[in-house]
Amino acid sequence: MRPKKRYIVFEIFPPGLKEEDVKLAIDKMAREVIGLKGISEARLKLIYYDEERSRGILRVRREYKYVALAILGLIRNVKNVEVLITPLTSTGSLKRAKKVVGA
């Protein structure tokens, strides 16, 4: 049976960060928290990031949803800029997640 996914919609304060910087910050924190094996098991991936609205969608396996939320909450700096990442919602469909982001 195929593993089920969750899409976590989040917002970053202050706005204006590049997608690549956000992706690197999430990857770095995920390596610290769950390691490379955990990243591959969780299938953690930044699916979409809107630089204008500073909102993004993070895909993760259903069993690792709370681990992904913890990873987002632990990120404090992106490119030497203090940030606050706020999860907006979690959904089971990418269509619904994009609707929340406004894509």
C-alpha atoms as a PDB file:
ATOM      1  CA  MET A   1       0.000   0.000   0.000  1.00  0.00           C
ATOM      2  CA  ARG A   2       1.254   3.455  -0.914  1.00  0.00           C
ATOM      3  CA  PRO A   3       2.088   5.677   2.099  1.00  0.00           C
ATOM      4  CA  LYS A   4      -0.286   8.580   2.650  1.00  0.00           C
ATOM      5  CA  LYS A   5       1.014  12.129   2.550  1.00  0.00           C
ATOM      6  CA  ARG A   6       0.209  15.335   4.356  1.00  0.00           C
ATOM      7  CA  TYR A   7       0.758  18.817   3.031  1.00  0.00           C
ATOM      8  CA  ILE A   8       1.679  21.418   5.639  1.00  0.00           C
ATOM      9  CA  VAL A   9       0.989  25.016   4.636  1.00  0.00           C
ATOM     10  CA  PHE A  10       3.194  27.534   6.432  1.00  0.00           C
ATOM     11  CA  GLU A  11       3.961  31.250   6.443  1.00  0.00           C
ATOM     12  CA  ILE A  12       7.299  32.925   7.146  1.00  0.00           C
ATOM     13  CA  PHE A  13       7.800  36.261   8.923  1.00  0.00           C
ATOM     14  CA  PRO A  14       9.448  38.551   7.838  1.00  0.00           C
ATOM     15  CA  PRO A  15       8.642  38.157   4.123  1.00  0.00           C
ATOM     16  CA  GLY A  16      11.120  38.432   1.286  1.00  0.00           C
ATOM     17  CA  LEU A  17      13.153  35.215   1.528  1.00  0.00           C
ATOM     18  CA  LYS A  18      14.175  33.226  -1.533  1.00  0.00           C
ATOM     19  CA  GLU A  19      12.859  29.697  -2.117  1.00  0.00           C
ATOM     20  CA  GLU A  20      16.359  28.195  -2.183  1.00  0.00           C
ATOM     21  CA  ASP A  21      17.207  29.747   1.209  1.00  0.00           C
ATOM     22  CA  VAL A  22      14.030  28.355   2.776  1.00  0.00           C
ATOM     23  CA  LYS A  23      14.682  24.926   1.259  1.00  0.00           C
ATOM     24  CA  LEU A  24      18.229  24.871   2.658  1.00  0.00           C
ATOM     25  CA  ALA A  25      17.065  25.965   6.122  1.00  0.00           C
ATOM     26  CA  ILE A  26      14.420  23.214   6.273  1.00  0.00           C
ATOM     27  CA  ASP A  27      16.910  20.610   5.054  1.00  0.00           C
ATOM     28  CA  LYS A  28      19.558  21.698   7.561  1.00  0.00           C
ATOM     29  CA  MET A  29      17.170  21.561  10.521  1.00  0.00           C
ATOM     30  CA  ALA A  30      15.735  18.216   9.373  1.00  0.00           C
ATOM     31  CA  ARG A  31      19.240  16.744   9.291  1.00  0.00           C
ATOM     32  CA  GLU A  32      19.854  17.946  12.838  1.00  0.00           C
ATOM     33  CA  VAL A  33      16.536  16.620  14.173  1.00  0.00           C
ATOM     34  CA  ILE A  34      15.952  13.333  12.328  1.00  0.00           C
ATOM     35  CA  GLY A  35      19.093  12.736  10.254  1.00  0.00           C
ATOM     36  CA  LEU A  36      19.421  11.600   6.650  1.00  0.00           C
ATOM     37  CA  LYS A  37      17.652   8.301   7.257  1.00  0.00           C
ATOM     38  CA  GLY A  38      14.727  10.122   8.850  1.00  0.00           C
ATOM     39  CA  ILE A  39      14.493  12.563   5.948  1.00  0.00           C
ATOM     40  CA  SER A  40      14.262   9.695   3.475  1.00  0.00           C
ATOM     41  CA  GLU A  41      11.663   7.868   5.594  1.00  0.00           C
ATOM     42  CA  ALA A  42       9.581  11.018   6.107  1.00  0.00           C
ATOM     43  CA  ARG A  43       9.901  11.970   2.428  1.00  0.00           C
ATOM     44  CA  LEU A  44      10.197  15.580   3.475  1.00  0.00           C
ATOM     45  CA  LYS A  45      10.034  17.942   0.483  1.00  0.00           C
ATOM     46  CA  LEU A  46       9.262  21.603  -0.123  1.00  0.00           C
ATOM     47  CA  ILE A  47       6.653  21.379  -2.876  1.00  0.00           C
ATOM     48  CA  TYR A  48       5.844  25.038  -3.396  1.00  0.00           C
ATOM     49  CA  TYR A  49       6.992  28.415  -2.084  1.00  0.00           C
ATOM     50  CA  ASP A  50       5.502  31.799  -2.990  1.00  0.00           C
ATOM     51  CA  GLU A  51       8.181  34.444  -2.423  1.00  0.00           C
ATOM     52  CA  GLU A  52       5.677  37.327  -2.626  1.00  0.00           C
ATOM     53  CA  ARG A  53       3.324  35.969   0.053  1.00  0.00           C
ATOM     54  CA  SER A  54       6.056  34.100   1.972  1.00  0.00           C
ATOM     55  CA  ARG A  55       3.898  30.988   2.088  1.00  0.00           C
ATOM     56  CA  GLY A  56       4.919  27.475   1.258  1.00  0.00           C
ATOM     57  CA  ILE A  57       3.799  23.855   1.139  1.00  0.00           C
ATOM     58  CA  LEU A  58       5.830  21.092   2.742  1.00  0.00           C
ATOM     59  CA  ARG A  59       5.019  17.475   1.819  1.00  0.00           C
ATOM     60  CA  VAL A  60       5.598  14.750   4.399  1.00  0.00           C
ATOM     61  CA  ARG A  61       4.429  11.203   5.098  1.00  0.00           C
ATOM     62  CA  ARG A  62       1.443  11.079   7.415  1.00  0.00           C
ATOM     63  CA  GLU A  63       3.338   9.387  10.258  1.00  0.00           C
ATOM     64  CA  TYR A  64       5.907  12.216  10.321  1.00  0.00           C
ATOM     65  CA  LYS A  65       3.496  15.152  10.353  1.00  0.00           C
ATOM     66  CA  TYR A  66       4.305  16.210  13.911  1.00  0.00           C
ATOM     67  CA  VAL A  67       8.038  15.780  13.327  1.00  0.00           C
ATOM     68  CA  ALA A  68       7.761  18.128  10.329  1.00  0.00           C
ATOM     69  CA  LEU A  69       5.856  20.659  12.429  1.00  0.00           C
ATOM     70  CA  ALA A  70       8.621  20.486  15.048  1.00  0.00           C
ATOM     71  CA  ILE A  71      11.270  21.021  12.364  1.00  0.00           C
ATOM     72  CA  LEU A  72       9.471  24.128  11.108  1.00  0.00           C
ATOM     73  CA  GLY A  73       9.123  25.433  14.664  1.00  0.00           C
ATOM     74  CA  LEU A  74      12.820  24.998  15.412  1.00  0.00           C
ATOM     75  CA  ILE A  75      14.018  27.107  12.474  1.00  0.00           C
ATOM     76  CA  ARG A  76      15.027  30.505  13.830  1.00  0.00           C
ATOM     77  CA  ASN A  77      17.489  31.845  11.231  1.00  0.00           C
ATOM     78  CA  VAL A  78      17.501  31.815   7.442  1.00  0.00           C
ATOM     79  CA  LYS A  79      20.530  33.467   5.854  1.00  0.00           C
ATOM     80  CA  ASN A  80      21.316  35.338   9.110  1.00  0.00           C
ATOM     81  CA  VAL A  81      17.789  36.773   9.244  1.00  0.00           C
ATOM     82  CA  GLU A  82      15.677  35.949  12.287  1.00  0.00           C
ATOM     83  CA  VAL A  83      12.460  34.295  11.142  1.00  0.00           C
ATOM     84  CA  LEU A  84       9.273  32.864  12.565  1.00  0.00           C
ATOM     85  CA  ILE A  85       7.643  30.023  10.651  1.00  0.00           C
ATOM     86  CA  THR A  86       3.949  29.625  11.416  1.00  0.00           C
ATOM     87  CA  PRO A  87       2.065  26.529  10.231  1.00  0.00           C
ATOM     88  CA  LEU A  88      -1.322  27.591   8.859  1.00  0.00           C
ATOM     89  CA  THR A  89      -2.949  24.225   8.200  1.00  0.00           C
ATOM     90  CA  SER A  90      -2.332  20.608   7.333  1.00  0.00           C
ATOM     91  CA  THR A  91      -4.276  18.827   4.623  1.00  0.00           C
ATOM     92  CA  GLY A  92      -4.313  15.542   2.771  1.00  0.00           C
ATOM     93  CA  SER A  93      -4.602  16.994  -0.731  1.00  0.00           C
ATOM     94  CA  LEU A  94      -2.276  19.236  -2.679  1.00  0.00           C
ATOM     95  CA  LYS A  95      -5.266  20.957  -4.287  1.00  0.00           C
ATOM     96  CA  ARG A  96      -6.565  22.112  -0.904  1.00  0.00           C
ATOM     97  CA  ALA A  97      -3.069  23.184   0.187  1.00  0.00           C
ATOM     98  CA  LYS A  98      -2.650  25.340  -2.932  1.00  0.00           C
ATOM     99  CA  LYS A  99      -6.043  26.887  -2.263  1.00  0.00           C
ATOM    100  CA  VAL A 100      -4.888  27.952   1.214  1.00  0.00           C
ATOM    101  CA  VAL A 101      -1.636  29.399  -0.166  1.00  0.00           C
ATOM    102  CA  GLY A 102      -3.510  31.192  -2.901  1.00  0.00           C
ATOM    103  CA  ALA A 103      -1.651  29.568  -5.788  1.00  0.00           C
END
